[in-house]
C-alpha atoms as a PDB file:
ATOM      1  CA  MET A   1      -2.976  -0.846   5.030  1.00  0.00           C
ATOM      2  CA  PRO A   2      -1.387   0.174   1.602  1.00  0.00           C
ATOM      3  CA  ILE A   3       2.355   7.215  -5.754  1.00  0.00           C
ATOM      4  CA  ASN A   4       5.758   8.455 -10.570  1.00  0.00           C
ATOM      5  CA  GLN A   5       9.218   8.952 -11.091  1.00  0.00           C
ATOM      6  CA  ILE A   6      10.599  12.682 -10.225  1.00  0.00           C
ATOM      7  CA  SER A   7      14.165  14.367  -9.841  1.00  0.00           C
ATOM      8  CA  SER A   8      16.680  13.491  -7.414  1.00  0.00           C
ATOM      9  CA  VAL A   9      16.041  16.391  -4.606  1.00  0.00           C
ATOM     10  CA  LYS A  10      17.720  15.895  -1.425  1.00  0.00           C
ATOM     11  CA  ASN A  11      16.194  16.628   2.005  1.00  0.00           C
ATOM     12  CA  ASN A  12      19.060  16.413   4.833  1.00  0.00           C
ATOM     13  CA  SER A  13      20.228  12.573   4.371  1.00  0.00           C
ATOM     14  CA  LEU A  14      16.806  11.780   2.206  1.00  0.00           C
ATOM     15  CA  SER A  15      16.659  12.070  -1.193  1.00  0.00           C
ATOM     16  CA  PHE A  16      13.507  11.569  -3.116  1.00  0.00           C
ATOM     17  CA  GLY A  17      14.765  10.044  -6.628  1.00  0.00           C
ATOM     18  CA  HIS A  18      16.658   7.228  -8.103  1.00  0.00           C
ATOM     19  CA  GLY A  19      18.648   4.698  -5.931  1.00  0.00           C
ATOM     20  CA  HIS A  20      21.078   1.794  -6.968  1.00  0.00           C
ATOM     21  CA  HIS A  21      18.996   1.320 -10.525  1.00  0.00           C
ATOM     22  CA  VAL A  22      17.323   3.121 -13.507  1.00  0.00           C
ATOM     23  CA  GLU A  23      13.402   2.062 -13.794  1.00  0.00           C
ATOM     24  CA  ASN A  24      12.482   4.359 -16.806  1.00  0.00           C
ATOM     25  CA  LYS A  25      15.343   5.940 -18.748  1.00  0.00           C
ATOM     26  CA  ASN A  26      16.468   2.785 -20.386  1.00  0.00           C
ATOM     27  CA  CYS A  27      13.289   0.983 -20.426  1.00  0.00           C
ATOM     28  CA  SER A  28      11.468  -0.221 -24.018  1.00  0.00           C
ATOM     29  CA  PRO A  29       7.553   0.551 -24.129  1.00  0.00           C
ATOM     30  CA  LYS A  30       7.135  -2.982 -24.526  1.00  0.00           C
ATOM     31  CA  LEU A  31       9.138  -3.684 -21.377  1.00  0.00           C
ATOM     32  CA  LYS A  32       6.693  -0.929 -19.898  1.00  0.00           C
ATOM     33  CA  ARG A  33       3.543  -2.123 -21.515  1.00  0.00           C
ATOM     34  CA  ALA A  34       4.158  -6.168 -20.301  1.00  0.00           C
ATOM     35  CA  VAL A  35       5.309  -5.326 -16.867  1.00  0.00           C
ATOM     36  CA  THR A  36       2.204  -3.183 -15.836  1.00  0.00           C
ATOM     37  CA  ALA A  37      -0.118  -5.800 -17.194  1.00  0.00           C
ATOM     38  CA  ALA A  38       1.656  -8.398 -15.425  1.00  0.00           C
ATOM     39  CA  SER A  39       1.880  -6.640 -12.159  1.00  0.00           C
ATOM     40  CA  ALA A  40      -1.957  -5.968 -12.563  1.00  0.00           C
ATOM     41  CA  LEU A  41      -2.223  -9.606 -13.438  1.00  0.00           C
ATOM     42  CA  GLY A  42      -0.974 -10.610 -10.465  1.00  0.00           C
ATOM     43  CA  VAL A  43      -2.796  -7.959  -8.214  1.00  0.00           C
ATOM     44  CA  GLY A  44      -6.364  -9.298  -9.886  1.00  0.00           C
ATOM     45  CA  THR A  45      -5.161 -13.213  -9.414  1.00  0.00           C
ATOM     46  CA  ALA A  46      -4.237 -12.096  -5.493  1.00  0.00           C
ATOM     47  CA  TYR A  47      -7.498 -10.379  -5.198  1.00  0.00           C
ATOM     48  CA  ALA A  48      -9.780 -12.979  -6.791  1.00  0.00           C
ATOM     49  CA  ILE A  49      -8.238 -15.276  -4.316  1.00  0.00           C
ATOM     50  CA  ILE A  50      -8.789 -13.232  -1.515  1.00  0.00           C
ATOM     51  CA  ALA A  51     -12.201 -12.311  -2.600  1.00  0.00           C
ATOM     52  CA  LYS A  52     -13.203 -16.085  -2.843  1.00  0.00           C
ATOM     53  CA  LYS A  53     -11.787 -16.890   0.878  1.00  0.00           C
ATOM     54  CA  GLN A  54     -14.220 -14.132   1.999  1.00  0.00           C
ATOM     55  CA  GLY A  55     -17.624 -15.232   0.251  1.00  0.00           C
ATOM     56  CA  PHE A  56     -17.777 -13.812  -3.051  1.00  0.00           C
ATOM     57  CA  SER A  57     -18.514 -15.390  -6.220  1.00  0.00           C
ATOM     58  CA  LEU A  58     -16.022 -15.712  -8.958  1.00  0.00           C
ATOM     59  CA  ASN A  59     -18.809 -16.846 -11.393  1.00  0.00           C
ATOM     60  CA  PRO A  60     -18.737 -14.476 -14.226  1.00  0.00           C
ATOM     61  CA  SER A  61     -22.608 -14.909 -15.140  1.00  0.00           C
ATOM     62  CA  LYS A  62     -23.141 -13.900 -11.408  1.00  0.00           C
ATOM     63  CA  ILE A  63     -20.720 -10.938 -11.657  1.00  0.00           C
ATOM     64  CA  PHE A  64     -22.156  -9.534 -14.650  1.00  0.00           C
ATOM     65  CA  LYS A  65     -25.771 -10.148 -13.262  1.00  0.00           C
ATOM     66  CA  THR A  66     -24.471  -7.775 -10.054  1.00  0.00           C
ATOM     67  CA  PRO A  67     -24.613  -4.337 -10.253  1.00  0.00           C
ATOM     68  CA  ILE A  68     -21.473  -2.607 -10.762  1.00  0.00           C
ATOM     69  CA  LYS A  69     -21.683  -0.724  -7.581  1.00  0.00           C
ATOM     70  CA  ASP A  70     -22.394  -4.087  -5.591  1.00  0.00           C
ATOM     71  CA  TRP A  71     -18.976  -5.274  -7.156  1.00  0.00           C
ATOM     72  CA  SER A  72     -16.373  -6.203  -4.360  1.00  0.00           C
ATOM     73  CA  LEU A  73     -13.671  -3.818  -5.612  1.00  0.00           C
ATOM     74  CA  ILE A  74     -16.770  -0.323  -6.023  1.00  0.00           C
ATOM     75  CA  LYS A  75     -19.134  -1.379  -3.211  1.00  0.00           C
ATOM     76  CA  LEU A  76     -19.247   1.085  -0.402  1.00  0.00           C
ATOM     77  CA  TYR A  77     -20.382   1.178   2.601  1.00  0.00           C
ATOM     78  CA  ASP A  78     -23.983   2.000   3.610  1.00  0.00           C
ATOM     79  CA  LYS A  79     -24.721   3.015   7.324  1.00  0.00           C
ATOM     80  CA  LYS A  80     -28.406   2.477   6.324  1.00  0.00           C
ATOM     81  CA  HIS A  81     -27.781  -1.203   4.965  1.00  0.00           C
ATOM     82  CA  PRO A  82     -24.416  -2.076   7.971  1.00  0.00           C
ATOM     83  CA  GLU A  83     -25.052  -6.155   7.171  1.00  0.00           C
ATOM     84  CA  ARG A  84     -23.839  -5.726   3.128  1.00  0.00           C
ATOM     85  CA  LYS A  85     -20.776  -7.714   2.776  1.00  0.00           C
ATOM     86  CA  LEU A  86     -17.752  -5.419   1.897  1.00  0.00           C
ATOM     87  CA  ILE A  87     -14.203  -7.007   0.924  1.00  0.00           C
ATOM     88  CA  GLU A  88     -11.747  -6.847   3.846  1.00  0.00           C
ATOM     89  CA  LEU A  89      -8.285  -5.982   3.227  1.00  0.00           C
ATOM     90  CA  GLU A  90      -5.920  -5.912   6.316  1.00  0.00           C
ATOM     91  CA  GLU A  91      -1.940  -6.581   6.712  1.00  0.00           C
ATOM     92  CA  TRP A  92      -2.177 -10.756   5.152  1.00  0.00           C
ATOM     93  CA  GLU A  93      -4.650  -9.811   2.370  1.00  0.00           C
ATOM     94  CA  ILE A  94      -2.457  -6.162   1.609  1.00  0.00           C
ATOM     95  CA  LEU A  95       1.265  -8.879   1.552  1.00  0.00           C
ATOM     96  CA  GLY A  96      -0.838 -11.174  -0.807  1.00  0.00           C
ATOM     97  CA  LEU A  97      -1.454  -8.364  -3.107  1.00  0.00           C
ATOM     98  CA  ALA A  98       2.024  -7.233  -3.400  1.00  0.00           C
ATOM     99  CA  ALA A  99       3.565 -10.673  -3.656  1.00  0.00           C
ATOM    100  CA  GLY A 100       1.122 -11.087  -6.155  1.00  0.00           C
ATOM    101  CA  SER A 101       2.585  -7.385  -7.514  1.00  0.00           C
ATOM    102  CA  ILE A 102       5.985  -8.104  -7.429  1.00  0.00           C
ATOM    103  CA  ALA A 103       6.034 -11.563  -8.744  1.00  0.00           C
ATOM    104  CA  GLY A 104       3.724 -10.719 -12.055  1.00  0.00           C
ATOM    105  CA  GLY A 105       6.419  -7.863 -12.491  1.00  0.00           C
ATOM    106  CA  LEU A 106       9.761  -9.656 -12.030  1.00  0.00           C
ATOM    107  CA  THR A 107       8.483 -12.531 -14.240  1.00  0.00           C
ATOM    108  CA  ALA A 108       7.536 -10.223 -17.035  1.00  0.00           C
ATOM    109  CA  GLY A 109      10.964  -7.907 -16.841  1.00  0.00           C
ATOM    110  CA  ALA A 110      12.887 -11.413 -16.692  1.00  0.00           C
ATOM    111  CA  VAL A 111      11.143 -12.653 -20.215  1.00  0.00           C
ATOM    112  CA  VAL A 112      11.296  -9.379 -21.990  1.00  0.00           C
ATOM    113  CA  ASP A 113      14.202  -7.537 -20.572  1.00  0.00           C
ATOM    114  CA  LYS A 114      17.906  -8.279 -21.033  1.00  0.00           C
ATOM    115  CA  LYS A 115      19.175 -11.238 -18.827  1.00  0.00           C
ATOM    116  CA  LYS A 116      22.398  -8.896 -17.386  1.00  0.00           C
ATOM    117  CA  ASN A 117      19.078  -6.907 -15.711  1.00  0.00           C
ATOM    118  CA  PHE A 118      17.910  -9.562 -13.861  1.00  0.00           C
ATOM    119  CA  LYS A 119      19.600  -9.378 -10.308  1.00  0.00           C
ATOM    120  CA  ALA A 120      19.120  -5.506 -10.420  1.00  0.00           C
ATOM    121  CA  LYS A 121      15.043  -6.758 -10.822  1.00  0.00           C
ATOM    122  CA  ALA A 122      15.062  -9.513  -8.058  1.00  0.00           C
ATOM    123  CA  ARG A 123      17.214  -7.057  -5.389  1.00  0.00           C
ATOM    124  CA  GLU A 124      14.044  -4.566  -6.027  1.00  0.00           C
ATOM    125  CA  ALA A 125      11.914  -7.032  -5.656  1.00  0.00           C
ATOM    126  CA  VAL A 126      13.122  -7.768  -2.791  1.00  0.00           C
ATOM    127  CA  ASN A 127      13.589  -4.449  -1.626  1.00  0.00           C
ATOM    128  CA  GLN A 128       9.633  -3.741  -2.550  1.00  0.00           C
ATOM    129  CA  PHE A 129       8.533  -6.713  -0.896  1.00  0.00           C
ATOM    130  CA  PHE A 130      10.229  -6.549   2.883  1.00  0.00           C
ATOM    131  CA  GLY A 131      11.109  -2.932   2.755  1.00  0.00           C
ATOM    132  CA  ASN A 132       8.549  -0.991   1.183  1.00  0.00           C
ATOM    133  CA  VAL A 133       5.455  -3.509   2.477  1.00  0.00           C
ATOM    134  CA  CYS A 134       6.048  -5.590   5.334  1.00  0.00           C
ATOM    135  CA  VAL A 135       8.135  -3.557   7.680  1.00  0.00           C
ATOM    136  CA  PRO A 136       5.727  -0.140   7.364  1.00  0.00           C
ATOM    137  CA  VAL A 137       2.435  -2.671   7.188  1.00  0.00           C
ATOM    138  CA  ALA A 138       4.063  -4.197  10.418  1.00  0.00           C
ATOM    139  CA  PHE A 139       4.753  -0.507  12.061  1.00  0.00           C
ATOM    140  CA  VAL A 140       0.963   0.510  11.192  1.00  0.00           C
ATOM    141  CA  LYS A 141      -0.395  -2.627  12.656  1.00  0.00           C
ATOM    142  CA  GLY A 142       1.190  -2.336  15.603  1.00  0.00           C
ATOM    143  CA  ALA A 143       0.302   1.122  16.436  1.00  0.00           C
ATOM    144  CA  ALA A 144      -3.280   0.363  15.217  1.00  0.00           C
ATOM    145  CA  SER A 145      -3.216  -2.022  18.308  1.00  0.00           C
ATOM    146  CA  LEU A 146      -1.482   0.020  20.825  1.00  0.00           C
ATOM    147  CA  TYR A 147      -4.310   2.739  19.801  1.00  0.00           C
ATOM    148  CA  ASP A 148      -7.029  -0.070  20.358  1.00  0.00           C
ATOM    149  CA  LYS A 149      -5.283  -1.063  23.785  1.00  0.00           C
ATOM    150  CA  TYR A 150      -5.161   2.517  25.096  1.00  0.00           C
ATOM    151  CA  LYS A 151      -8.389   3.674  23.198  1.00  0.00           C
ATOM    152  CA  LYS A 152     -10.953   5.291  26.256  1.00  0.00           C
ATOM    153  CA  PRO A 153      -7.875   6.988  28.319  1.00  0.00           C
ATOM    154  CA  ILE A 154      -6.380   8.637  25.082  1.00  0.00           C
ATOM    155  CA  LEU A 155      -9.861  10.007  24.084  1.00  0.00           C
ATOM    156  CA  SER A 156     -10.902  10.916  27.329  1.00  0.00           C
ATOM    157  CA  LYS A 157      -7.770  13.593  27.732  1.00  0.00           C
ATOM    158  CA  VAL A 158      -9.257  15.272  24.158  1.00  0.00           C
ATOM    159  CA  PRO A 159     -10.733  18.524  24.532  1.00  0.00           C
ATOM    160  CA  GLN A 160     -13.964  18.448  23.616  1.00  0.00           C
ATOM    161  CA  ILE A 161     -16.232  21.827  23.397  1.00  0.00           C
ATOM    162  CA  LYS A 162     -19.755  22.337  24.855  1.00  0.00           C
ATOM    163  CA  GLY A 163     -22.877  22.801  23.010  1.00  0.00           C
ATOM    164  CA  ASP A 164     -25.182  20.954  21.150  1.00  0.00           C
ATOM    165  CA  GLY A 165     -24.777  22.507  17.789  1.00  0.00           C
ATOM    166  CA  LYS A 166     -24.303  20.345  14.570  1.00  0.00           C
ATOM    167  CA  SER A 167     -20.661  22.368  14.047  1.00  0.00           C
ATOM    168  CA  ILE A 168     -19.661  21.633  17.676  1.00  0.00           C
ATOM    169  CA  LYS A 169     -20.755  17.858  17.342  1.00  0.00           C
ATOM    170  CA  VAL A 170     -19.183  17.877  13.982  1.00  0.00           C
ATOM    171  CA  LEU A 171     -15.772  19.518  15.344  1.00  0.00           C
ATOM    172  CA  ASN A 172     -15.661  17.373  18.568  1.00  0.00           C
ATOM    173  CA  LYS A 173     -15.858  14.017  16.287  1.00  0.00           C
ATOM    174  CA  SER A 174     -12.991  15.696  14.581  1.00  0.00           C
ATOM    175  CA  LEU A 175     -11.112  16.026  17.861  1.00  0.00           C
ATOM    176  CA  LYS A 176     -11.081  12.793  18.454  1.00  0.00           C
ATOM    177  CA  CYS A 177      -9.861  11.878  15.074  1.00  0.00           C
ATOM    178  CA  ILE A 178      -6.434  12.974  16.149  1.00  0.00           C
ATOM    179  CA  PRO A 179      -5.175  11.069  18.380  1.00  0.00           C
ATOM    180  CA  SER A 180      -5.278   7.943  15.974  1.00  0.00           C
ATOM    181  CA  ALA A 181      -4.192  10.090  12.924  1.00  0.00           C
ATOM    182  CA  ALA A 182      -1.116  11.274  14.032  1.00  0.00           C
ATOM    183  CA  MET A 183      -0.140   7.492  15.662  1.00  0.00           C
ATOM    184  CA  THR A 184      -0.340   5.663  12.487  1.00  0.00           C
ATOM    185  CA  LEU A 185       0.913   8.534   9.975  1.00  0.00           C
ATOM    186  CA  ALA A 186       3.989   8.666  13.119  1.00  0.00           C
ATOM    187  CA  ALA A 187       3.911   5.011  12.517  1.00  0.00           C
ATOM    188  CA  LEU A 188       3.765   4.726   8.602  1.00  0.00           C
ATOM    189  CA  GLY A 189       6.459   7.590   8.797  1.00  0.00           C
ATOM    190  CA  ALA A 190       8.644   5.216  10.716  1.00  0.00           C
ATOM    191  CA  GLY A 191       7.977   2.522   8.982  1.00  0.00           C
ATOM    192  CA  ILE A 192       8.945   4.064   5.821  1.00  0.00           C
ATOM    193  CA  VAL A 193      12.194   4.906   6.735  1.00  0.00           C
ATOM    194  CA  SER A 194      12.609   1.834   8.733  1.00  0.00           C
ATOM    195  CA  GLY A 195      12.016   0.200   5.822  1.00  0.00           C
ATOM    196  CA  ASN A 196      14.381   1.819   3.338  1.00  0.00           C
ATOM    197  CA  ARG A 197      17.249   0.947   5.825  1.00  0.00           C
ATOM    198  CA  LEU A 198      16.485  -2.797   5.915  1.00  0.00           C
ATOM    199  CA  SER A 199      16.867  -2.118   2.097  1.00  0.00           C
ATOM    200  CA  ASN A 200      20.293  -1.084   2.526  1.00  0.00           C
ATOM    201  CA  ILE A 201      21.251  -3.587   5.011  1.00  0.00           C
ATOM    202  CA  LEU A 202      19.605  -6.222   2.293  1.00  0.00           C
ATOM    203  CA  ASN A 203      21.804  -4.433  -0.407  1.00  0.00           C
ATOM    204  CA  GLU A 204      25.114  -4.616   1.341  1.00  0.00           C
ATOM    205  CA  LYS A 205      25.273  -7.923   3.074  1.00  0.00           C
ATOM    206  CA  VAL A 206      22.922  -9.719   0.830  1.00  0.00           C
ATOM    207  CA  PHE A 207      23.647  -8.813  -2.776  1.00  0.00           C
ATOM    208  CA  HIS A 208      26.741  -7.241  -1.900  1.00  0.00           C
ATOM    209  CA  LYS A 209      25.908  -4.045  -3.479  1.00  0.00           C
ATOM    210  CA  LYS A 210      27.192  -0.908  -1.647  1.00  0.00           C
ATOM    211  CA  THR A 211      25.175   1.678  -2.765  1.00  0.00           C
ATOM    212  CA  GLU A 212      22.497   3.794  -1.003  1.00  0.00           C
ATOM    213  CA  ARG A 213      18.767   3.174  -1.673  1.00  0.00           C
ATOM    214  CA  HIS A 214      17.121   6.222  -1.249  1.00  0.00           C
ATOM    215  CA  ILE A 215      13.566   6.589   0.006  1.00  0.00           C
ATOM    216  CA  LYS A 216      11.328   7.429  -4.004  1.00  0.00           C
ATOM    217  CA  LYS A 217       8.034   9.079  -4.144  1.00  0.00           C
ATOM    218  CA  THR A 218       6.878   5.715  -5.768  1.00  0.00           C
ATOM    219  CA  ASP A 219       7.590   4.103  -2.230  1.00  0.00           C
ATOM    220  CA  PHE A 220       4.267   5.742  -0.889  1.00  0.00           C
ATOM    221  CA  ALA A 221       2.300   4.453  -3.239  1.00  0.00           C
ATOM    222  CA  PRO A 222       2.090   0.709  -1.042  1.00  0.00           C
ATOM    223  CA  HIS A 223       1.058   2.870   1.578  1.00  0.00           C
ATOM    224  CA  VAL A 224      -2.444   3.946   0.434  1.00  0.00           C
ATOM    225  CA  ASP A 225      -4.065   0.866   2.482  1.00  0.00           C
ATOM    226  CA  ASP A 226      -2.159   2.443   5.394  1.00  0.00           C
ATOM    227  CA  ILE A 227      -3.729   5.450   5.203  1.00  0.00           C
ATOM    228  CA  GLY A 228      -7.163   3.180   4.811  1.00  0.00           C
ATOM    229  CA  MET A 229      -6.285   1.673   8.417  1.00  0.00           C
ATOM    230  CA  ALA A 230      -5.590   5.024   9.931  1.00  0.00           C
ATOM    231  CA  VAL A 231      -9.296   6.069   7.834  1.00  0.00           C
ATOM    232  CA  SER A 232     -10.617   3.053   9.867  1.00  0.00           C
ATOM    233  CA  LEU A 233      -9.157   3.806  12.846  1.00  0.00           C
ATOM    234  CA  MET A 234     -11.032   6.967  13.122  1.00  0.00           C
ATOM    235  CA  ALA A 235     -14.619   5.702  12.146  1.00  0.00           C
ATOM    236  CA  ASP A 236     -14.442   1.903  11.785  1.00  0.00           C
ATOM    237  CA  LYS A 237     -16.576   1.794   8.800  1.00  0.00           C
ATOM    238  CA  SER A 238     -17.583   4.862   6.398  1.00  0.00           C
ATOM    239  CA  LYS A 239     -17.738   5.498   2.687  1.00  0.00           C
ATOM    240  CA  LEU A 240     -14.434   7.209   2.553  1.00  0.00           C
ATOM    241  CA  SER A 241     -12.782   4.314   4.400  1.00  0.00           C
ATOM    242  CA  THR A 242     -14.260   1.831   2.026  1.00  0.00           C
ATOM    243  CA  ALA A 243     -13.171   4.270  -1.016  1.00  0.00           C
ATOM    244  CA  ILE A 244      -9.987   3.986  -0.112  1.00  0.00           C
ATOM    245  CA  THR A 245      -9.686   0.444   0.803  1.00  0.00           C
ATOM    246  CA  ASN A 246     -10.738  -0.064  -2.579  1.00  0.00           C
ATOM    247  CA  THR A 247      -8.033   1.950  -4.601  1.00  0.00           C
ATOM    248  CA  VAL A 248      -5.238  -0.254  -2.541  1.00  0.00           C
ATOM    249  CA  PRO A 249      -5.046  -2.694  -5.300  1.00  0.00           C
ATOM    250  CA  LEU A 250      -4.414  -0.216  -7.906  1.00  0.00           C
ATOM    251  CA  PHE A 251      -1.821   0.857  -5.777  1.00  0.00           C
ATOM    252  CA  LEU A 252      -0.510  -2.258  -5.058  1.00  0.00           C
ATOM    253  CA  CYS A 253       0.410  -2.615  -8.660  1.00  0.00           C
ATOM    254  CA  VAL A 254       3.161  -0.295  -7.904  1.00  0.00           C
ATOM    255  CA  PRO A 255       5.864  -2.087  -6.530  1.00  0.00           C
ATOM    256  CA  GLY A 256       5.554  -5.249  -9.151  1.00  0.00           C
ATOM    257  CA  ILE A 257       6.202  -2.412 -11.796  1.00  0.00           C
ATOM    258  CA  GLN A 258       9.575  -0.839 -10.386  1.00  0.00           C
ATOM    259  CA  ALA A 259      10.493  -3.945  -9.887  1.00  0.00           C
ATOM    260  CA  GLY A 260      10.253  -5.439 -13.212  1.00  0.00           C
ATOM    261  CA  LEU A 261      11.637  -2.060 -14.742  1.00  0.00           C
ATOM    262  CA  ALA A 262      14.683  -2.199 -12.354  1.00  0.00           C
ATOM    263  CA  GLN A 263      17.620  -2.485 -15.133  1.00  0.00           C
ATOM    264  CA  GLU A 264      21.802  -2.142 -13.501  1.00  0.00           C
ATOM    265  CA  LYS A 265      23.074   1.417 -14.064  1.00  0.00           C
END
């Protein structure tokens, strides 16, 4: 499973904006470039390891001889050729990509930025990985497993419209997508809120910082993978689900960038 800084916007107890540190206002262009490049490098390295383990070649000559549309990062599912190998990004792969991103961003931030800001970067790195990636992924994985276990009885309760027309078939198929989508999106929302609470606990109990970390717009970037998991529940394999999966590495650069740019107020 797996999006841009905005000004603070409060909604009851949640606010979308800055937390206990400032990421961009005092960051030099040099720092931003270094952190972005290092986060992308970290994700790229993790992705290469995953691809190699799944049987894809890392030989440059083989890669450039392969049509671009068949590269692992671009290839889409084709129902006419279901045997074609596709990259699989599940929970462990997501965690690996996030770890690579954060390691890269944190390292670049530590090297390029002022030493006094390293603790803020380390805090944000921990918050991003555990609160913003691990917890939501675990929630979505749990929802997916629960849905798979009770899929038949759940779908038997979904109303279907009688008829043989093409539009009716499409509508009936769409209705059957609703339970899985609702479960996964509810789990994702609960996971994001729970992950944010974990981050606040870590700030207070581990880092001894009594400042509240609010949910930010960028916190939703790593969950493109979770949306992909929701799509996969609706249709095991489709062009849409594989297209979303292929964007996951790009969005998982965000946790590393957030960690590398974090600064003390």
